[in-house]
C-alpha atoms as a PDB file:
ATOM      1  CA  UNK A   1      81.646  84.790  84.494  1.00  0.00           C
ATOM      2  CA  UNK A   2      81.833  86.755  87.769  1.00  0.00           C
ATOM      3  CA  UNK A   3      82.053  83.500  89.714  1.00  0.00           C
ATOM      4  CA  UNK A   4      84.997  82.361  87.575  1.00  0.00           C
ATOM      5  CA  UNK A   5      86.714  85.714  88.056  1.00  0.00           C
ATOM      6  CA  UNK A   6      86.259  85.520  91.841  1.00  0.00           C
ATOM      7  CA  UNK A   7      87.667  81.983  91.835  1.00  0.00           C
ATOM      8  CA  UNK A   8      90.622  83.097  89.724  1.00  0.00           C
ATOM      9  CA  UNK A   9      91.342  86.071  92.003  1.00  0.00           C
ATOM     10  CA  UNK A  10      91.008  83.896  95.121  1.00  0.00           C
ATOM     11  CA  UNK A  11      93.391  81.318  93.658  1.00  0.00           C
ATOM     12  CA  UNK A  12      95.869  84.037  92.759  1.00  0.00           C
ATOM     13  CA  UNK A  13      95.721  85.457  96.292  1.00  0.00           C
ATOM     14  CA  UNK A  14      96.383  82.043  97.803  1.00  0.00           C
ATOM     15  CA  UNK A  15      99.337  81.541  95.465  1.00  0.00           C
ATOM     16  CA  UNK A  16     100.637  85.027  96.240  1.00  0.00           C
ATOM     17  CA  UNK A  17     100.325  84.487  99.984  1.00  0.00           C
ATOM     18  CA  UNK A  18     102.163  81.179  99.648  1.00  0.00           C
ATOM     19  CA  UNK A  19     104.964  82.746  97.623  1.00  0.00           C
ATOM     20  CA  UNK A  20     105.128  85.658 100.070  1.00  0.00           C
ATOM     21  CA  UNK A  21     105.909  83.321 102.922  1.00  0.00           C
ATOM     22  CA  UNK A  22     108.899  82.064 100.929  1.00  0.00           C
ATOM     23  CA  UNK A  23     110.274  85.511 100.039  1.00  0.00           C
ATOM     24  CA  UNK A  24     110.353  87.219 103.414  1.00  0.00           C
ATOM     25  CA  UNK A  25     113.915  87.985 104.459  1.00  0.00           C
ATOM     26  CA  UNK A  26     115.202  87.941 108.014  1.00  0.00           C
ATOM     27  CA  UNK A  27     113.983  85.639 110.757  1.00  0.00           C
ATOM     28  CA  UNK A  28     113.195  88.358 113.278  1.00  0.00           C
ATOM     29  CA  UNK A  29     109.891  90.011 112.576  1.00  0.00           C
ATOM     30  CA  UNK A  30     109.050  87.895 109.527  1.00  0.00           C
ATOM     31  CA  UNK A  31     105.875  86.533 111.098  1.00  0.00           C
ATOM     32  CA  UNK A  32     104.822  90.064 111.971  1.00  0.00           C
ATOM     33  CA  UNK A  33     105.577  91.277 108.440  1.00  0.00           C
ATOM     34  CA  UNK A  34     103.500  88.448 106.989  1.00  0.00           C
ATOM     35  CA  UNK A  35     100.547  89.319 109.260  1.00  0.00           C
ATOM     36  CA  UNK A  36     100.770  92.972 108.210  1.00  0.00           C
ATOM     37  CA  UNK A  37     100.974  91.945 104.561  1.00  0.00           C
ATOM     38  CA  UNK A  38      97.895  89.729 104.853  1.00  0.00           C
ATOM     39  CA  UNK A  39      95.948  92.549 106.516  1.00  0.00           C
ATOM     40  CA  UNK A  40      96.983  94.906 103.707  1.00  0.00           C
ATOM     41  CA  UNK A  41      95.812  92.326 101.160  1.00  0.00           C
ATOM     42  CA  UNK A  42      92.379  92.214 102.787  1.00  0.00           C
ATOM     43  CA  UNK A  43      92.009  95.983 102.483  1.00  0.00           C
ATOM     44  CA  UNK A  44      93.536  96.063  99.003  1.00  0.00           C
ATOM     45  CA  UNK A  45      91.193  93.477  97.516  1.00  0.00           C
ATOM     46  CA  UNK A  46      88.185  93.870  99.824  1.00  0.00           C
ATOM     47  CA  UNK A  47      88.478  90.299 101.064  1.00  0.00           C
ATOM     48  CA  UNK A  48      86.607  90.138 104.380  1.00  0.00           C
ATOM     49  CA  UNK A  49      87.050  93.873 104.905  1.00  0.00           C
ATOM     50  CA  UNK A  50      85.793  96.857 102.917  1.00  0.00           C
ATOM     51  CA  UNK A  51      88.168  97.735 100.061  1.00  0.00           C
ATOM     52  CA  UNK A  52      90.293 100.642 101.293  1.00  0.00           C
ATOM     53  CA  UNK A  53      93.446 101.542  99.349  1.00  0.00           C
ATOM     54  CA  UNK A  54      94.581 104.068 101.943  1.00  0.00           C
ATOM     55  CA  UNK A  55      94.586 101.467 104.728  1.00  0.00           C
ATOM     56  CA  UNK A  56      96.132  98.897 102.385  1.00  0.00           C
ATOM     57  CA  UNK A  57      98.934 101.357 101.685  1.00  0.00           C
ATOM     58  CA  UNK A  58      99.553 101.926 105.388  1.00  0.00           C
ATOM     59  CA  UNK A  59      99.771  98.192 106.169  1.00  0.00           C
ATOM     60  CA  UNK A  60     101.844  97.374 103.081  1.00  0.00           C
ATOM     61  CA  UNK A  61     104.303 100.064 104.142  1.00  0.00           C
ATOM     62  CA  UNK A  62     104.619  98.585 107.638  1.00  0.00           C
ATOM     63  CA  UNK A  63     105.342  95.151 106.153  1.00  0.00           C
ATOM     64  CA  UNK A  64     107.612  96.618 103.463  1.00  0.00           C
ATOM     65  CA  UNK A  65     109.758  98.388 106.048  1.00  0.00           C
ATOM     66  CA  UNK A  66     110.266  95.003 107.701  1.00  0.00           C
ATOM     67  CA  UNK A  67     111.571  93.616 104.394  1.00  0.00           C
ATOM     68  CA  UNK A  68     108.497  91.840 103.027  1.00  0.00           C
ATOM     69  CA  UNK A  69     109.214  91.858  99.285  1.00  0.00           C
ATOM     70  CA  UNK A  70     105.640  91.288  98.088  1.00  0.00           C
ATOM     71  CA  UNK A  71     104.499  94.179 100.288  1.00  0.00           C
ATOM     72  CA  UNK A  72     107.261  96.328  98.780  1.00  0.00           C
ATOM     73  CA  UNK A  73     106.126  95.380  95.287  1.00  0.00           C
ATOM     74  CA  UNK A  74     102.447  96.027  96.032  1.00  0.00           C
ATOM     75  CA  UNK A  75     103.269  99.323  97.711  1.00  0.00           C
ATOM     76  CA  UNK A  76     105.162 100.339  94.580  1.00  0.00           C
ATOM     77  CA  UNK A  77     102.110  99.464  92.498  1.00  0.00           C
ATOM     78  CA  UNK A  78      99.817 101.563  94.694  1.00  0.00           C
ATOM     79  CA  UNK A  79     102.142 104.556  94.332  1.00  0.00           C
ATOM     80  CA  UNK A  80     102.449 103.949  90.593  1.00  0.00           C
ATOM     81  CA  UNK A  81      98.667 103.837  90.130  1.00  0.00           C
ATOM     82  CA  UNK A  82      97.814 106.495  92.713  1.00  0.00           C
ATOM     83  CA  UNK A  83      95.604 104.145  94.711  1.00  0.00           C
ATOM     84  CA  UNK A  84      95.317 105.204  98.358  1.00  0.00           C
ATOM     85  CA  UNK A  85      98.112 107.713  97.868  1.00  0.00           C
ATOM     86  CA  UNK A  86      98.936 110.482  95.444  1.00  0.00           C
ATOM     87  CA  UNK A  87     100.519 109.068  92.283  1.00  0.00           C
ATOM     88  CA  UNK A  88     104.271 109.192  92.863  1.00  0.00           C
ATOM     89  CA  UNK A  89     106.602 107.529  90.375  1.00  0.00           C
ATOM     90  CA  UNK A  90     109.654 108.206  92.531  1.00  0.00           C
ATOM     91  CA  UNK A  91     108.152 106.338  95.491  1.00  0.00           C
ATOM     92  CA  UNK A  92     106.918 103.594  93.153  1.00  0.00           C
ATOM     93  CA  UNK A  93     110.413 103.125  91.745  1.00  0.00           C
ATOM     94  CA  UNK A  94     111.939 103.139  95.232  1.00  0.00           C
ATOM     95  CA  UNK A  95     109.693 100.265  96.384  1.00  0.00           C
ATOM     96  CA  UNK A  96     109.973  98.299  93.125  1.00  0.00           C
ATOM     97  CA  UNK A  97     113.773  98.526  93.270  1.00  0.00           C
ATOM     98  CA  UNK A  98     113.834  97.560  96.939  1.00  0.00           C
ATOM     99  CA  UNK A  99     111.673  94.503  96.210  1.00  0.00           C
ATOM    100  CA  UNK A 100     113.896  93.518  93.306  1.00  0.00           C
ATOM    101  CA  UNK A 101     117.074  94.013  95.332  1.00  0.00           C
ATOM    102  CA  UNK A 102     115.746  91.926  98.201  1.00  0.00           C
ATOM    103  CA  UNK A 103     114.749  89.040  96.015  1.00  0.00           C
ATOM    104  CA  UNK A 104     111.291  89.442  94.489  1.00  0.00           C
ATOM    105  CA  UNK A 105     111.838  87.355  91.358  1.00  0.00           C
ATOM    106  CA  UNK A 106     108.717  88.827  89.721  1.00  0.00           C
ATOM    107  CA  UNK A 107     110.476  92.191  89.363  1.00  0.00           C
END
């Protein structure tokens, strides 16, 4: 059961990373934003690094500022759930709306 869950989560992360590369806006800095996003993912999910929501939040924010829509969405989720930051529905809404406005079709 745990093995299947790990496989499912890994598959979802690969799919998310692939979709992220297609939703980054702006040529300048997009590679940097993707690198920041991937680092945030590692901290968020504990993949290769210890799980650390605070660090995930910091790296998602850096990528989100550069227009990475999946980072904006994930940052909104961290604020919504109070993971790594104090629960803040205003900040969550800000990042969810920004992601939606910039093209995250999952919003």
